[in-house]
Amino acid sequence: LEKLERRAMWGPTTIPDFIASCDVGDSAPAEVVASIIRAASLAPVLAGKRLRARVKYGRCGDSVRCDSDQVVVPSSSRSVGARFVGGKPSAKPVSVDFCTTCLFLVHNNIQ
């Protein structure tokens, strides 16, 4: 309950809630924090796993979050010769592109 009370003091935490909470015209300013999540290099052991990136804004245990869409980590490719000779799987990192932008309303009481 205490956490809900603190959140209520923040005011709106999403842009639609901000617009709905007051008489906002098209030119009303709103301060936002933007977090752009692009590519990540991951261990090859994660190949085939489904992952999401999560960004949190606020104090520990009292924050708002934004999740990316789910992505599947691709397999690292081995050379054709390694497949026939019994080569070991590649230990090279695999890259995944989350291609997500998270927007958070700025709150002065959140540090």
C-alpha atoms as a PDB file:
ATOM      1  CA  LEU A   1       0.000   0.000   0.000  1.00  0.00           C
ATOM      2  CA  GLU A   2       2.852   2.369   0.820  1.00  0.00           C
ATOM      3  CA  LYS A   3       4.274   1.892  -2.681  1.00  0.00           C
ATOM      4  CA  LEU A   4       0.901   2.788  -4.253  1.00  0.00           C
ATOM      5  CA  GLU A   5       0.691   5.922  -2.124  1.00  0.00           C
ATOM      6  CA  ARG A   6       4.165   7.043  -3.261  1.00  0.00           C
ATOM      7  CA  ARG A   7       3.224   6.412  -6.898  1.00  0.00           C
ATOM      8  CA  ALA A   8       0.037   8.463  -6.473  1.00  0.00           C
ATOM      9  CA  MET A   9       2.213  11.404  -5.349  1.00  0.00           C
ATOM     10  CA  TRP A  10       4.213  11.171  -8.602  1.00  0.00           C
ATOM     11  CA  GLY A  11       1.178  11.984 -10.678  1.00  0.00           C
ATOM     12  CA  PRO A  12       0.793  10.428 -14.128  1.00  0.00           C
ATOM     13  CA  THR A  13       3.577   8.040 -15.153  1.00  0.00           C
ATOM     14  CA  THR A  14       2.628   7.484 -18.792  1.00  0.00           C
ATOM     15  CA  ILE A  15       2.099   9.962 -21.598  1.00  0.00           C
ATOM     16  CA  PRO A  16      -1.567   8.942 -22.161  1.00  0.00           C
ATOM     17  CA  ASP A  17      -2.215   9.342 -18.402  1.00  0.00           C
ATOM     18  CA  PHE A  18      -0.534  12.770 -18.513  1.00  0.00           C
ATOM     19  CA  ILE A  19      -2.752  13.912 -21.369  1.00  0.00           C
ATOM     20  CA  ALA A  20      -5.889  12.538 -19.682  1.00  0.00           C
ATOM     21  CA  SER A  21      -5.067  14.051 -16.279  1.00  0.00           C
ATOM     22  CA  CYS A  22      -5.240  17.706 -17.224  1.00  0.00           C
ATOM     23  CA  ASP A  23      -6.387  20.156 -19.800  1.00  0.00           C
ATOM     24  CA  VAL A  24      -3.538  19.678 -22.234  1.00  0.00           C
ATOM     25  CA  GLY A  25      -3.448  21.392 -25.573  1.00  0.00           C
ATOM     26  CA  ASP A  26      -1.440  20.290 -28.567  1.00  0.00           C
ATOM     27  CA  SER A  27       1.399  22.613 -27.597  1.00  0.00           C
ATOM     28  CA  ALA A  28       1.690  21.619 -23.906  1.00  0.00           C
ATOM     29  CA  PRO A  29       5.322  20.755 -23.057  1.00  0.00           C
ATOM     30  CA  ALA A  30       6.168  17.466 -21.374  1.00  0.00           C
ATOM     31  CA  GLU A  31       9.675  16.543 -20.218  1.00  0.00           C
ATOM     32  CA  VAL A  32      10.626  12.987 -21.084  1.00  0.00           C
ATOM     33  CA  VAL A  33      13.604  10.690 -20.655  1.00  0.00           C
ATOM     34  CA  ALA A  34      14.275   8.595 -23.753  1.00  0.00           C
ATOM     35  CA  SER A  35      16.188   5.334 -23.591  1.00  0.00           C
ATOM     36  CA  ILE A  36      17.106   3.863 -26.969  1.00  0.00           C
ATOM     37  CA  ILE A  37      17.921   0.165 -26.984  1.00  0.00           C
ATOM     38  CA  ARG A  38      19.703  -1.018 -30.104  1.00  0.00           C
ATOM     39  CA  ALA A  39      21.976  -4.016 -30.577  1.00  0.00           C
ATOM     40  CA  ALA A  40      23.389  -6.260 -27.876  1.00  0.00           C
ATOM     41  CA  SER A  41      26.234  -8.790 -28.085  1.00  0.00           C
ATOM     42  CA  LEU A  42      25.275 -11.961 -26.254  1.00  0.00           C
ATOM     43  CA  ALA A  43      26.969 -15.217 -25.338  1.00  0.00           C
ATOM     44  CA  PRO A  44      26.426 -17.980 -27.932  1.00  0.00           C
ATOM     45  CA  VAL A  45      24.907 -20.174 -25.214  1.00  0.00           C
ATOM     46  CA  LEU A  46      21.801 -17.939 -25.460  1.00  0.00           C
ATOM     47  CA  ALA A  47      21.185 -18.925 -29.109  1.00  0.00           C
ATOM     48  CA  GLY A  48      17.563 -19.880 -29.672  1.00  0.00           C
ATOM     49  CA  LYS A  49      16.374 -18.224 -26.433  1.00  0.00           C
ATOM     50  CA  ARG A  50      13.578 -15.656 -26.414  1.00  0.00           C
ATOM     51  CA  LEU A  51      14.596 -12.440 -24.646  1.00  0.00           C
ATOM     52  CA  ARG A  52      13.258  -8.982 -23.843  1.00  0.00           C
ATOM     53  CA  ALA A  53      15.180  -5.883 -22.810  1.00  0.00           C
ATOM     54  CA  ARG A  54      13.797  -4.009 -19.792  1.00  0.00           C
ATOM     55  CA  VAL A  55      14.481  -0.394 -18.810  1.00  0.00           C
ATOM     56  CA  LYS A  56      13.435   0.947 -15.421  1.00  0.00           C
ATOM     57  CA  TYR A  57      13.092   4.580 -14.345  1.00  0.00           C
ATOM     58  CA  GLY A  58      12.888   5.562 -10.695  1.00  0.00           C
ATOM     59  CA  ARG A  59      14.165   4.414  -7.360  1.00  0.00           C
ATOM     60  CA  CYS A  60      14.990   0.771  -6.680  1.00  0.00           C
ATOM     61  CA  GLY A  61      11.799  -1.061  -5.770  1.00  0.00           C
ATOM     62  CA  ASP A  62       9.681   1.950  -6.750  1.00  0.00           C
ATOM     63  CA  SER A  63      10.118   2.386 -10.477  1.00  0.00           C
ATOM     64  CA  VAL A  64       8.210   2.256 -13.734  1.00  0.00           C
ATOM     65  CA  ARG A  65       9.401  -0.006 -16.521  1.00  0.00           C
ATOM     66  CA  CYS A  66       9.354  -0.425 -20.270  1.00  0.00           C
ATOM     67  CA  ASP A  67       9.892  -3.780 -21.995  1.00  0.00           C
ATOM     68  CA  SER A  68      10.996  -4.340 -25.565  1.00  0.00           C
ATOM     69  CA  ASP A  69       9.277  -6.760 -27.864  1.00  0.00           C
ATOM     70  CA  GLN A  70      10.514 -10.314 -27.574  1.00  0.00           C
ATOM     71  CA  VAL A  71      13.410 -11.298 -29.852  1.00  0.00           C
ATOM     72  CA  VAL A  72      14.923 -14.696 -30.610  1.00  0.00           C
ATOM     73  CA  VAL A  73      18.700 -14.877 -30.286  1.00  0.00           C
ATOM     74  CA  PRO A  74      20.110 -16.240 -33.565  1.00  0.00           C
ATOM     75  CA  SER A  75      22.571 -19.125 -33.709  1.00  0.00           C
ATOM     76  CA  SER A  76      26.157 -18.241 -34.441  1.00  0.00           C
ATOM     77  CA  SER A  77      27.144 -19.548 -37.828  1.00  0.00           C
ATOM     78  CA  ARG A  78      29.993 -22.053 -38.173  1.00  0.00           C
ATOM     79  CA  SER A  79      32.066 -22.389 -41.275  1.00  0.00           C
ATOM     80  CA  VAL A  80      31.060 -25.101 -43.725  1.00  0.00           C
ATOM     81  CA  GLY A  81      34.406 -26.868 -43.228  1.00  0.00           C
ATOM     82  CA  ALA A  82      33.996 -26.972 -39.436  1.00  0.00           C
ATOM     83  CA  ARG A  83      30.712 -28.844 -39.828  1.00  0.00           C
ATOM     84  CA  PHE A  84      32.397 -31.665 -41.752  1.00  0.00           C
ATOM     85  CA  VAL A  85      35.586 -31.851 -39.748  1.00  0.00           C
ATOM     86  CA  GLY A  86      33.844 -31.946 -36.381  1.00  0.00           C
ATOM     87  CA  GLY A  87      34.905 -28.434 -35.434  1.00  0.00           C
ATOM     88  CA  LYS A  88      33.831 -26.999 -32.138  1.00  0.00           C
ATOM     89  CA  PRO A  89      30.948 -24.528 -32.058  1.00  0.00           C
ATOM     90  CA  SER A  90      31.976 -20.918 -32.311  1.00  0.00           C
ATOM     91  CA  ALA A  91      32.473 -19.002 -29.072  1.00  0.00           C
ATOM     92  CA  LYS A  92      31.899 -15.708 -30.882  1.00  0.00           C
ATOM     93  CA  PRO A  93      29.181 -13.481 -29.415  1.00  0.00           C
ATOM     94  CA  VAL A  94      25.907 -13.308 -31.305  1.00  0.00           C
ATOM     95  CA  SER A  95      24.236  -9.994 -32.005  1.00  0.00           C
ATOM     96  CA  VAL A  96      20.559  -9.188 -31.538  1.00  0.00           C
ATOM     97  CA  ASP A  97      18.768  -5.931 -32.379  1.00  0.00           C
ATOM     98  CA  PHE A  98      16.039  -4.900 -29.925  1.00  0.00           C
ATOM     99  CA  CYS A  99      15.301  -1.684 -31.874  1.00  0.00           C
ATOM    100  CA  THR A 100      13.223  -0.142 -29.061  1.00  0.00           C
ATOM    101  CA  THR A 101      12.798   3.329 -27.617  1.00  0.00           C
ATOM    102  CA  CYS A 102      11.347   3.771 -24.129  1.00  0.00           C
ATOM    103  CA  LEU A 103       9.893   7.120 -23.070  1.00  0.00           C
ATOM    104  CA  PHE A 104       9.363   8.090 -19.429  1.00  0.00           C
ATOM    105  CA  LEU A 105       7.784  11.254 -18.085  1.00  0.00           C
ATOM    106  CA  VAL A 106      10.300  13.193 -16.004  1.00  0.00           C
ATOM    107  CA  HIS A 107       9.374  13.462 -12.333  1.00  0.00           C
ATOM    108  CA  ASN A 108      11.287  15.928 -10.187  1.00  0.00           C
ATOM    109  CA  ASN A 109      10.970  13.738  -7.065  1.00  0.00           C
ATOM    110  CA  ILE A 110      12.662  10.770  -8.762  1.00  0.00           C
ATOM    111  CA  GLN A 111      16.454  10.827  -8.663  1.00  0.00           C
END
